[in-house]
């Protein structure tokens, strides 16, 4: 078992506290970065979803406009 003098123990504990506070600061920065990236991902996901909805509506509109013309052309032959 290790034993320290009072001064050595205080110095060791202070160095551990300083290291822990530094690590906590790094973790807080990493969490903030991840929060920002989550927000960016959610916004981009919504944009892609909305783009796909518009694209499908346009395809449906084109298909509906093209369907009657194709059937009328078949009647002519």
PDB file of N, CA and C in Angstrom:
ATOM      1  N   UNK A   1       0.836  -1.163   0.000  1.00  0.00           N
ATOM      2  CA  UNK A   1       0.000   0.000   0.000  1.00  0.00           C
ATOM      3  C   UNK A   1       0.893   1.243   0.000  1.00  0.00           C
ATOM      4  N   UNK A   2       0.472   2.275  -0.724  1.00  0.00           N
ATOM      5  CA  UNK A   2       1.260   3.492  -0.818  1.00  0.00           C
ATOM      6  C   UNK A   2       0.886   4.461   0.293  1.00  0.00           C
ATOM      7  N   UNK A   3       1.860   5.204   0.701  1.00  0.00           N
ATOM      8  CA  UNK A   3       1.565   6.281   1.651  1.00  0.00           C
ATOM      9  C   UNK A   3       2.255   7.537   1.149  1.00  0.00           C
ATOM     10  N   UNK A   4       1.579   8.649   1.320  1.00  0.00           N
ATOM     11  CA  UNK A   4       2.085   9.932   0.863  1.00  0.00           C
ATOM     12  C   UNK A   4       2.151  10.886   2.057  1.00  0.00           C
ATOM     13  N   UNK A   5       3.049  11.829   1.925  1.00  0.00           N
ATOM     14  CA  UNK A   5       3.030  12.910   2.915  1.00  0.00           C
ATOM     15  C   UNK A   5       1.835  13.783   2.587  1.00  0.00           C
ATOM     16  N   UNK A   6       1.453  14.620   3.500  1.00  0.00           N
ATOM     17  CA  UNK A   6       0.288  15.479   3.285  1.00  0.00           C
ATOM     18  C   UNK A   6       0.491  16.374   2.069  1.00  0.00           C
ATOM     19  N   UNK A   7       1.682  16.932   1.912  1.00  0.00           N
ATOM     20  CA  UNK A   7       1.958  17.801   0.761  1.00  0.00           C
ATOM     21  C   UNK A   7       1.900  17.026  -0.549  1.00  0.00           C
ATOM     22  N   UNK A   8       2.471  15.813  -0.578  1.00  0.00           N
ATOM     23  CA  UNK A   8       2.447  14.993  -1.791  1.00  0.00           C
ATOM     24  C   UNK A   8       1.020  14.591  -2.143  1.00  0.00           C
ATOM     25  N   UNK A   9       0.238  14.232  -1.137  1.00  0.00           N
ATOM     26  CA  UNK A   9      -1.155  13.835  -1.384  1.00  0.00           C
ATOM     27  C   UNK A   9      -1.951  14.999  -1.950  1.00  0.00           C
ATOM     28  N   UNK A  10      -1.776  16.190  -1.367  1.00  0.00           N
ATOM     29  CA  UNK A  10      -2.491  17.366  -1.879  1.00  0.00           C
ATOM     30  C   UNK A  10      -2.069  17.682  -3.307  1.00  0.00           C
ATOM     31  N   UNK A  11      -0.778  17.567  -3.590  1.00  0.00           N
ATOM     32  CA  UNK A  11      -0.282  17.829  -4.943  1.00  0.00           C
ATOM     33  C   UNK A  11      -0.847  16.815  -5.924  1.00  0.00           C
ATOM     34  N   UNK A  12      -0.865  15.549  -5.532  1.00  0.00           N
ATOM     35  CA  UNK A  12      -1.407  14.496  -6.397  1.00  0.00           C
ATOM     36  C   UNK A  12      -2.897  14.728  -6.652  1.00  0.00           C
ATOM     37  N   UNK A  13      -3.642  14.999  -5.597  1.00  0.00           N
ATOM     38  CA  UNK A  13      -5.072  15.232  -5.755  1.00  0.00           C
ATOM     39  C   UNK A  13      -5.350  16.474  -6.595  1.00  0.00           C
ATOM     40  N   UNK A  14      -4.560  17.510  -6.420  1.00  0.00           N
ATOM     41  CA  UNK A  14      -4.741  18.728  -7.213  1.00  0.00           C
ATOM     42  C   UNK A  14      -4.464  18.458  -8.682  1.00  0.00           C
ATOM     43  N   UNK A  15      -3.424  17.682  -8.975  1.00  0.00           N
ATOM     44  CA  UNK A  15      -3.121  17.361 -10.373  1.00  0.00           C
ATOM     45  C   UNK A  15      -4.241  16.505 -10.973  1.00  0.00           C
ATOM     46  N   UNK A  16      -4.800  15.578 -10.202  1.00  0.00           N
ATOM     47  CA  UNK A  16      -5.916  14.752 -10.686  1.00  0.00           C
ATOM     48  C   UNK A  16      -7.159  15.616 -10.920  1.00  0.00           C
ATOM     49  N   UNK A  17      -7.402  16.562 -10.026  1.00  0.00           N
ATOM     50  CA  UNK A  17      -8.543  17.463 -10.188  1.00  0.00           C
ATOM     51  C   UNK A  17      -8.385  18.318 -11.440  1.00  0.00           C
ATOM     52  N   UNK A  18      -7.197  18.844 -11.661  1.00  0.00           N
ATOM     53  CA  UNK A  18      -6.934  19.653 -12.848  1.00  0.00           C
ATOM     54  C   UNK A  18      -7.147  18.835 -14.122  1.00  0.00           C
ATOM     55  N   UNK A  19      -6.652  17.600 -14.123  1.00  0.00           N
ATOM     56  CA  UNK A  19      -6.824  16.723 -15.291  1.00  0.00           C
ATOM     57  C   UNK A  19      -8.304  16.404 -15.511  1.00  0.00           C
ATOM     58  N   UNK A  20      -9.033  16.139 -14.429  1.00  0.00           N
ATOM     59  CA  UNK A  20     -10.455  15.828 -14.556  1.00  0.00           C
ATOM     60  C   UNK A  20     -11.235  17.031 -15.078  1.00  0.00           C
ATOM     61  N   UNK A  21     -10.903  18.228 -14.615  1.00  0.00           N
ATOM     62  CA  UNK A  21     -11.585  19.430 -15.113  1.00  0.00           C
ATOM     63  C   UNK A  21     -11.285  19.665 -16.580  1.00  0.00           C
ATOM     64  N   UNK A  22     -10.057  19.395 -16.987  1.00  0.00           N
ATOM     65  CA  UNK A  22      -9.688  19.533 -18.398  1.00  0.00           C
ATOM     66  C   UNK A  22     -10.467  18.516 -19.239  1.00  0.00           C
ATOM     67  N   UNK A  23     -10.549  17.278 -18.764  1.00  0.00           N
ATOM     68  CA  UNK A  23     -11.309  16.250 -19.488  1.00  0.00           C
ATOM     69  C   UNK A  23     -12.784  16.609 -19.574  1.00  0.00           C
ATOM     70  N   UNK A  24     -13.330  17.155 -18.486  1.00  0.00           N
ATOM     71  CA  UNK A  24     -14.728  17.575 -18.495  1.00  0.00           C
ATOM     72  C   UNK A  24     -14.954  18.669 -19.533  1.00  0.00           C
ATOM     73  N   UNK A  25     -14.021  19.588 -19.635  1.00  0.00           N
ATOM     74  CA  UNK A  25     -14.123  20.645 -20.636  1.00  0.00           C
ATOM     75  C   UNK A  25     -14.134  20.058 -22.045  1.00  0.00           C
ATOM     76  N   UNK A  26     -13.261  19.086 -22.279  1.00  0.00           N
ATOM     77  CA  UNK A  26     -13.217  18.438 -23.600  1.00  0.00           C
ATOM     78  C   UNK A  26     -14.521  17.702 -23.901  1.00  0.00           C
ATOM     79  N   UNK A  27     -15.048  17.028 -22.912  1.00  0.00           N
ATOM     80  CA  UNK A  27     -16.302  16.296 -23.109  1.00  0.00           C
ATOM     81  C   UNK A  27     -17.442  17.263 -23.400  1.00  0.00           C
ATOM     82  N   UNK A  28     -17.491  18.389 -22.697  1.00  0.00           N
ATOM     83  CA  UNK A  28     -18.526  19.397 -22.963  1.00  0.00           C
ATOM     84  C   UNK A  28     -18.427  19.931 -24.386  1.00  0.00           C
ATOM     85  N   UNK A  29     -17.215  20.179 -24.851  1.00  0.00           N
ATOM     86  CA  UNK A  29     -17.027  20.649 -26.233  1.00  0.00           C
ATOM     87  C   UNK A  29     -17.485  19.590 -27.228  1.00  0.00           C
ATOM     88  N   UNK A  30     -17.148  18.332 -26.964  1.00  0.00           N
ATOM     89  CA  UNK A  30     -17.564  17.247 -27.855  1.00  0.00           C
ATOM     90  C   UNK A  30     -19.081  17.110 -27.887  1.00  0.00           C
ATOM     91  N   UNK A  31     -19.729  17.231 -26.725  1.00  0.00           N
ATOM     92  CA  UNK A  31     -21.186  17.151 -26.686  1.00  0.00           C
ATOM     93  C   UNK A  31     -21.833  18.295 -27.458  1.00  0.00           C
ATOM     94  N   UNK A  32     -21.291  19.480 -27.337  1.00  0.00           N
ATOM     95  CA  UNK A  32     -21.833  20.625 -28.083  1.00  0.00           C
ATOM     96  C   UNK A  32     -21.689  20.396 -29.586  1.00  0.00           C
ATOM     97  N   UNK A  33     -20.536  19.879 -29.993  1.00  0.00           N
ATOM     98  CA  UNK A  33     -20.327  19.570 -31.412  1.00  0.00           C
ATOM     99  C   UNK A  33     -21.350  18.543 -31.891  1.00  0.00           C
ATOM    100  N   UNK A  34     -21.565  17.503 -31.090  1.00  0.00           N
ATOM    101  CA  UNK A  34     -22.529  16.468 -31.478  1.00  0.00           C
ATOM    102  C   UNK A  34     -23.951  17.014 -31.542  1.00  0.00           C
ATOM    103  N   UNK A  35     -24.308  17.922 -30.634  1.00  0.00           N
ATOM    104  CA  UNK A  35     -25.631  18.546 -30.695  1.00  0.00           C
ATOM    105  C   UNK A  35     -25.793  19.330 -31.995  1.00  0.00           C
ATOM    106  N   UNK A  36     -24.771  20.082 -32.354  1.00  0.00           N
ATOM    107  CA  UNK A  36     -24.827  20.852 -33.601  1.00  0.00           C
ATOM    108  C   UNK A  36     -24.950  19.930 -34.808  1.00  0.00           C
ATOM    109  N   UNK A  37     -24.185  18.851 -34.811  1.00  0.00           N
ATOM    110  CA  UNK A  37     -24.230  17.922 -35.936  1.00  0.00           C
ATOM    111  C   UNK A  37     -25.574  17.212 -36.019  1.00  0.00           C
ATOM    112  N   UNK A  38     -26.173  16.917 -34.867  1.00  0.00           N
ATOM    113  CA  UNK A  38     -27.500  16.303 -34.856  1.00  0.00           C
ATOM    114  C   UNK A  38     -28.518  17.255 -35.471  1.00  0.00           C
ATOM    115  N   UNK A  39     -28.433  18.525 -35.128  1.00  0.00           N
ATOM    116  CA  UNK A  39     -29.342  19.520 -35.695  1.00  0.00           C
ATOM    117  C   UNK A  39     -29.153  19.625 -37.207  1.00  0.00           C
ATOM    118  N   UNK A  40     -27.909  19.661 -37.652  1.00  0.00           N
ATOM    119  CA  UNK A  40     -27.622  19.739 -39.090  1.00  0.00           C
ATOM    120  C   UNK A  40     -28.189  18.510 -39.798  1.00  0.00           C
ATOM    121  N   UNK A  41     -28.005  17.331 -39.212  1.00  0.00           N
ATOM    122  CA  UNK A  41     -28.509  16.104 -39.824  1.00  0.00           C
ATOM    123  C   UNK A  41     -30.033  16.125 -39.909  1.00  0.00           C
ATOM    124  N   UNK A  42     -30.700  16.584 -38.852  1.00  0.00           N
ATOM    125  CA  UNK A  42     -32.156  16.633 -38.863  1.00  0.00           C
ATOM    126  C   UNK A  42     -32.675  17.605 -39.923  1.00  0.00           C
ATOM    127  N   UNK A  43     -32.029  18.752 -40.055  1.00  0.00           N
ATOM    128  CA  UNK A  43     -32.437  19.731 -41.073  1.00  0.00           C
ATOM    129  C   UNK A  43     -32.226  19.151 -42.467  1.00  0.00           C
ATOM    130  N   UNK A  44     -31.087  18.518 -42.692  1.00  0.00           N
ATOM    131  CA  UNK A  44     -30.825  17.938 -44.013  1.00  0.00           C
ATOM    132  C   UNK A  44     -31.771  16.788 -44.326  1.00  0.00           C
ATOM    133  N   UNK A  45     -32.103  15.990 -43.329  1.00  0.00           N
ATOM    134  CA  UNK A  45     -33.062  14.904 -43.534  1.00  0.00           C
ATOM    135  C   UNK A  45     -34.419  15.469 -43.933  1.00  0.00           C
ATOM    136  N   UNK A  46     -34.843  16.531 -43.269  1.00  0.00           N
ATOM    137  CA  UNK A  46     -36.120  17.167 -43.612  1.00  0.00           C
ATOM    138  C   UNK A  46     -36.088  17.731 -45.030  1.00  0.00           C
ATOM    139  N   UNK A  47     -34.964  18.317 -45.407  1.00  0.00           N
ATOM    140  CA  UNK A  47     -34.849  18.876 -46.761  1.00  0.00           C
ATOM    141  C   UNK A  47     -34.925  17.783 -47.818  1.00  0.00           C
ATOM    142  N   UNK A  48     -34.237  16.673 -47.583  1.00  0.00           N
ATOM    143  CA  UNK A  48     -34.282  15.564 -48.540  1.00  0.00           C
ATOM    144  C   UNK A  48     -35.690  14.986 -48.615  1.00  0.00           C
ATOM    145  N   UNK A  49     -36.345  14.841 -47.473  1.00  0.00           N
ATOM    146  CA  UNK A  49     -37.720  14.332 -47.461  1.00  0.00           C
ATOM    147  C   UNK A  49     -38.636  15.254 -48.257  1.00  0.00           C
ATOM    148  N   UNK A  50     -38.551  16.552 -48.011  1.00  0.00           N
ATOM    149  CA  UNK A  50     -39.392  17.513 -48.730  1.00  0.00           C
ATOM    150  C   UNK A  50     -39.089  17.508 -50.225  1.00  0.00           C
ATOM    151  N   UNK A  51     -37.821  17.372 -50.581  1.00  0.00           N
ATOM    152  CA  UNK A  51     -37.453  17.288 -51.992  1.00  0.00           C
ATOM    153  C   UNK A  51     -38.094  16.065 -52.625  1.00  0.00           C
ATOM    154  N   UNK A  52     -38.063  14.933 -51.922  1.00  0.00           N
ATOM    155  CA  UNK A  52     -38.640  13.702 -52.452  1.00  0.00           C
ATOM    156  C   UNK A  52     -40.158  13.829 -52.596  1.00  0.00           C
ATOM    157  N   UNK A  53     -40.802  14.483 -51.646  1.00  0.00           N
ATOM    158  CA  UNK A  53     -42.255  14.688 -51.741  1.00  0.00           C
ATOM    159  C   UNK A  53     -42.579  15.516 -52.982  1.00  0.00           C
ATOM    160  N   UNK A  54     -41.827  16.602 -53.198  1.00  0.00           N
ATOM    161  CA  UNK A  54     -42.061  17.424 -54.393  1.00  0.00           C
ATOM    162  C   UNK A  54     -41.808  16.627 -55.674  1.00  0.00           C
ATOM    163  N   UNK A  55     -40.735  15.843 -55.678  1.00  0.00           N
ATOM    164  CA  UNK A  55     -40.403  15.044 -56.859  1.00  0.00           C
ATOM    165  C   UNK A  55     -41.506  14.044 -57.159  1.00  0.00           C
ATOM    166  N   UNK A  56     -42.041  13.385 -56.153  1.00  0.00           N
ATOM    167  CA  UNK A  56     -43.112  12.410 -56.373  1.00  0.00           C
ATOM    168  C   UNK A  56     -44.389  13.088 -56.868  1.00  0.00           C
ATOM    169  N   UNK A  57     -44.684  14.274 -56.324  1.00  0.00           N
ATOM    170  CA  UNK A  57     -45.865  15.001 -56.795  1.00  0.00           C
ATOM    171  C   UNK A  57     -45.722  15.359 -58.262  1.00  0.00           C
ATOM    172  N   UNK A  58     -44.525  15.825 -58.639  1.00  0.00           N
ATOM    173  CA  UNK A  58     -44.299  16.176 -60.042  1.00  0.00           C
ATOM    174  C   UNK A  58     -44.410  14.945 -60.935  1.00  0.00           C
ATOM    175  N   UNK A  59     -43.866  13.814 -60.504  1.00  0.00           N
ATOM    176  CA  UNK A  59     -43.967  12.584 -61.294  1.00  0.00           C
ATOM    177  C   UNK A  59     -45.419  12.147 -61.434  1.00  0.00           C
ATOM    178  N   UNK A  60     -46.171  12.246 -60.338  1.00  0.00           N
ATOM    179  CA  UNK A  60     -47.576  11.863 -60.381  1.00  0.00           C
ATOM    180  C   UNK A  60     -48.343  12.784 -61.323  1.00  0.00           C
ATOM    181  N   UNK A  61     -48.031  14.075 -61.265  1.00  0.00           N
ATOM    182  CA  UNK A  61     -48.702  15.043 -62.134  1.00  0.00           C
ATOM    183  C   UNK A  61     -48.399  14.751 -63.599  1.00  0.00           C
ATOM    184  N   UNK A  62     -47.137  14.480 -63.906  1.00  0.00           N
ATOM    185  CA  UNK A  62     -46.751  14.161 -65.278  1.00  0.00           C
ATOM    186  C   UNK A  62     -47.422  12.869 -65.733  1.00  0.00           C
ATOM    187  N   UNK A  63     -47.490  11.879 -64.853  1.00  0.00           N
ATOM    188  CA  UNK A  63     -48.121  10.607 -65.212  1.00  0.00           C
ATOM    189  C   UNK A  63     -49.616  10.791 -65.452  1.00  0.00           C
ATOM    190  N   UNK A  64     -50.267  11.620 -64.628  1.00  0.00           N
ATOM    191  CA  UNK A  64     -51.701  11.860 -64.807  1.00  0.00           C
ATOM    192  C   UNK A  64     -51.976  12.645 -66.082  1.00  0.00           C
ATOM    193  N   UNK A  65     -51.114  13.576 -66.418  1.00  0.00           N
ATOM    194  CA  UNK A  65     -51.292  14.350 -67.647  1.00  0.00           C
ATOM    195  C   UNK A  65     -50.994  13.493 -68.868  1.00  0.00           C
ATOM    196  N   UNK A  66     -50.035  12.595 -68.732  1.00  0.00           N
ATOM    197  CA  UNK A  66     -49.652  11.750 -69.863  1.00  0.00           C
ATOM    198  C   UNK A  66     -50.596  10.601 -70.088  1.00  0.00           C
ATOM    199  N   UNK A  67     -51.287  10.114 -69.087  1.00  0.00           N
ATOM    200  CA  UNK A  67     -52.152   8.953 -69.208  1.00  0.00           C
ATOM    201  C   UNK A  67     -53.326   9.200 -70.139  1.00  0.00           C
ATOM    202  N   UNK A  68     -54.080  10.297 -70.013  1.00  0.00           N
ATOM    203  CA  UNK A  68     -55.191  10.516 -70.940  1.00  0.00           C
ATOM    204  C   UNK A  68     -54.720  10.690 -72.381  1.00  0.00           C
ATOM    205  N   UNK A  69     -53.604  11.349 -72.570  1.00  0.00           N
ATOM    206  CA  UNK A  69     -53.101  11.539 -73.941  1.00  0.00           C
ATOM    207  C   UNK A  69     -52.704  10.210 -74.543  1.00  0.00           C
ATOM    208  N   UNK A  70     -52.122   9.327 -73.777  1.00  0.00           N
ATOM    209  CA  UNK A  70     -51.715   8.020 -74.308  1.00  0.00           C
ATOM    210  C   UNK A  70     -52.927   7.194 -74.643  1.00  0.00           C
ATOM    211  N   UNK A  71     -53.969   7.242 -73.827  1.00  0.00           N
ATOM    212  CA  UNK A  71     -55.165   6.449 -74.106  1.00  0.00           C
ATOM    213  C   UNK A  71     -55.914   7.005 -75.332  1.00  0.00           C
ATOM    214  N   UNK A  72     -55.907   8.320 -75.508  1.00  0.00           N
ATOM    215  CA  UNK A  72     -56.573   8.890 -76.682  1.00  0.00           C
ATOM    216  C   UNK A  72     -55.802   8.552 -77.943  1.00  0.00           C
ATOM    217  N   UNK A  73     -54.471   8.447 -77.829  1.00  0.00           N
ATOM    218  CA  UNK A  73     -53.682   8.062 -79.000  1.00  0.00           C
ATOM    219  C   UNK A  73     -53.946   6.604 -79.351  1.00  0.00           C
ATOM    220  N   UNK A  74     -54.180   5.771 -78.365  1.00  0.00           N
ATOM    221  CA  UNK A  74     -54.457   4.365 -78.634  1.00  0.00           C
ATOM    222  C   UNK A  74     -55.821   4.234 -79.330  1.00  0.00           C
ATOM    223  N   UNK A  75     -56.766   5.102 -79.021  1.00  0.00           N
ATOM    224  CA  UNK A  75     -58.081   5.050 -79.638  1.00  0.00           C
ATOM    225  C   UNK A  75     -58.027   5.457 -81.103  1.00  0.00           C
ATOM    226  N   UNK A  76     -57.060   6.299 -81.473  1.00  0.00           N
ATOM    227  CA  UNK A  76     -56.947   6.782 -82.837  1.00  0.00           C
ATOM    228  C   UNK A  76     -56.484   5.664 -83.749  1.00  0.00           C
ATOM    229  N   UNK A  77     -55.594   4.811 -83.266  1.00  0.00           N
ATOM    230  CA  UNK A  77     -55.069   3.724 -84.118  1.00  0.00           C
ATOM    231  C   UNK A  77     -56.117   2.756 -84.382  1.00  0.00           C
TER     232      UNK A  77
END
